[in-house]
């Protein structure tokens, strides 16, 4: 198990892991840019935003749970936990400047 941030999704405990260089190169960096652009434009209720968010969380979870499907992640994420999971993944991956970001239990977990 790769160390990360514990999160409760749908009543189950999962551990989010940092994104790899390969994951960032293969689409996660583009998804992060899409999410950040949507947040800046206050356009967080679009399919593009929801799918990008789920892809980033899926990439993180897939490191510890290789059988986790994208569709399952879509069904586990909601408006109460998605942003906390996303911030945890960014923190674990060194993409947030906040000290210790992502290392504790994700809020809402």
Protein backbone atom coordinates (compact mmCIF):
# COMPACT_ATOMS: atom_id res chain seq x y z
CA UNK A 1 0.00 0.00 0.00
CA UNK A 2 1.37 3.39 -1.01
CA UNK A 3 1.20 5.89 1.84
CA UNK A 4 -1.17 8.77 1.36
CA UNK A 5 -4.34 10.33 2.73
CA UNK A 6 -7.22 8.28 4.13
CA UNK A 7 -10.65 9.15 2.80
CA UNK A 8 -14.10 7.71 3.35
CA UNK A 9 -16.03 7.36 0.11
CA UNK A 10 -19.43 5.74 0.13
CA UNK A 11 -18.85 4.34 3.60
CA UNK A 12 -15.54 2.67 2.69
CA UNK A 13 -12.03 3.76 3.66
CA UNK A 14 -9.56 4.31 0.85
CA UNK A 15 -6.02 5.68 0.71
CA UNK A 16 -5.30 8.32 -1.91
CA UNK A 17 -1.76 8.16 -3.29
CA UNK A 18 0.48 10.77 -4.95
CA UNK A 19 0.29 10.99 -8.73
CA UNK A 20 3.24 9.60 -10.67
CA UNK A 21 5.13 11.44 -13.40
CA UNK A 22 3.59 8.99 -15.87
CA UNK A 23 0.07 9.82 -14.69
CA UNK A 24 0.75 13.55 -14.92
CA UNK A 25 2.22 13.15 -18.40
CA UNK A 26 -0.59 10.88 -19.57
CA UNK A 27 -3.47 13.19 -18.73
CA UNK A 28 -3.66 14.14 -15.08
CA UNK A 29 -1.78 17.42 -15.63
CA UNK A 30 -4.30 18.39 -18.31
CA UNK A 31 -7.18 17.39 -16.02
CA UNK A 32 -5.72 19.52 -13.21
CA UNK A 33 -5.50 22.48 -15.59
CA UNK A 34 -9.14 21.91 -16.60
CA UNK A 35 -10.23 21.79 -12.96
CA UNK A 36 -8.30 24.92 -12.01
CA UNK A 37 -9.67 26.78 -15.05
CA UNK A 38 -13.22 25.72 -14.15
CA UNK A 39 -12.72 26.90 -10.56
CA UNK A 40 -11.35 30.26 -11.75
CA UNK A 41 -14.35 30.70 -14.06
CA UNK A 42 -16.77 29.41 -11.40
CA UNK A 43 -17.90 26.74 -13.85
CA UNK A 44 -17.84 23.75 -11.53
CA UNK A 45 -21.14 22.22 -12.62
CA UNK A 46 -20.08 20.95 -16.02
CA UNK A 47 -19.44 17.46 -17.29
CA UNK A 48 -15.91 18.54 -18.17
CA UNK A 49 -15.21 19.54 -14.54
CA UNK A 50 -16.83 16.45 -13.02
CA UNK A 51 -15.02 14.08 -15.40
CA UNK A 52 -11.64 15.77 -14.89
CA UNK A 53 -12.09 15.65 -11.10
CA UNK A 54 -13.03 11.97 -11.22
CA UNK A 55 -10.07 11.15 -13.52
CA UNK A 56 -7.59 12.78 -11.11
CA UNK A 57 -9.05 10.97 -8.09
CA UNK A 58 -9.21 7.73 -10.08
CA UNK A 59 -5.54 8.05 -11.05
CA UNK A 60 -4.63 8.50 -7.39
CA UNK A 61 -6.79 5.62 -6.15
CA UNK A 62 -5.65 3.28 -8.93
CA UNK A 63 -2.16 3.17 -7.44
CA UNK A 64 -3.46 1.38 -4.34
CA UNK A 65 -6.58 -0.15 -5.88
CA UNK A 66 -5.70 -1.34 -9.41
CA UNK A 67 -9.19 -2.79 -9.91
CA UNK A 68 -10.88 0.56 -9.14
CA UNK A 69 -12.84 1.67 -12.20
CA UNK A 70 -13.46 5.21 -13.36
CA UNK A 71 -17.21 4.54 -13.21
CA UNK A 72 -16.94 3.48 -9.57
CA UNK A 73 -15.05 6.68 -8.72
CA UNK A 74 -17.81 8.69 -10.42
CA UNK A 75 -20.36 6.92 -8.21
CA UNK A 76 -18.33 7.50 -5.00
CA UNK A 77 -17.58 11.20 -5.49
CA UNK A 78 -20.10 13.85 -4.55
CA UNK A 79 -20.16 17.59 -3.92
CA UNK A 80 -19.27 16.97 -0.28
CA UNK A 81 -16.07 14.99 -0.86
CA UNK A 82 -14.72 15.61 -4.36
CA UNK A 83 -12.89 18.87 -3.73
CA UNK A 84 -11.32 17.57 -0.50
CA UNK A 85 -10.09 14.47 -2.33
CA UNK A 86 -8.70 16.61 -5.14
CA UNK A 87 -6.84 18.90 -2.73
CA UNK A 88 -5.44 15.86 -0.92
CA UNK A 89 -4.15 14.39 -4.19
CA UNK A 90 -2.53 17.71 -5.14
CA UNK A 91 -0.92 17.98 -1.71
CA UNK A 92 0.38 14.42 -1.78
CA UNK A 93 1.78 15.04 -5.26
CA UNK A 94 3.63 18.17 -4.22
CA UNK A 95 1.39 20.46 -6.24
CA UNK A 96 0.12 22.55 -3.31
CA UNK A 97 2.29 24.97 -1.39
CA UNK A 98 0.45 24.45 1.90
CA UNK A 99 2.69 22.71 4.47
CA UNK A 100 1.67 19.10 4.97
CA UNK A 101 -1.09 19.35 2.36
CA UNK A 102 -2.69 16.00 1.67
CA UNK A 103 -0.91 14.14 4.45
CA UNK A 104 -3.73 14.17 6.97
CA UNK A 105 -7.12 12.61 6.61
CA UNK A 106 -8.97 14.35 3.81
CA UNK A 107 -11.70 16.63 5.18
CA UNK A 108 -15.18 15.23 4.81
CA UNK A 109 -13.68 11.78 5.11
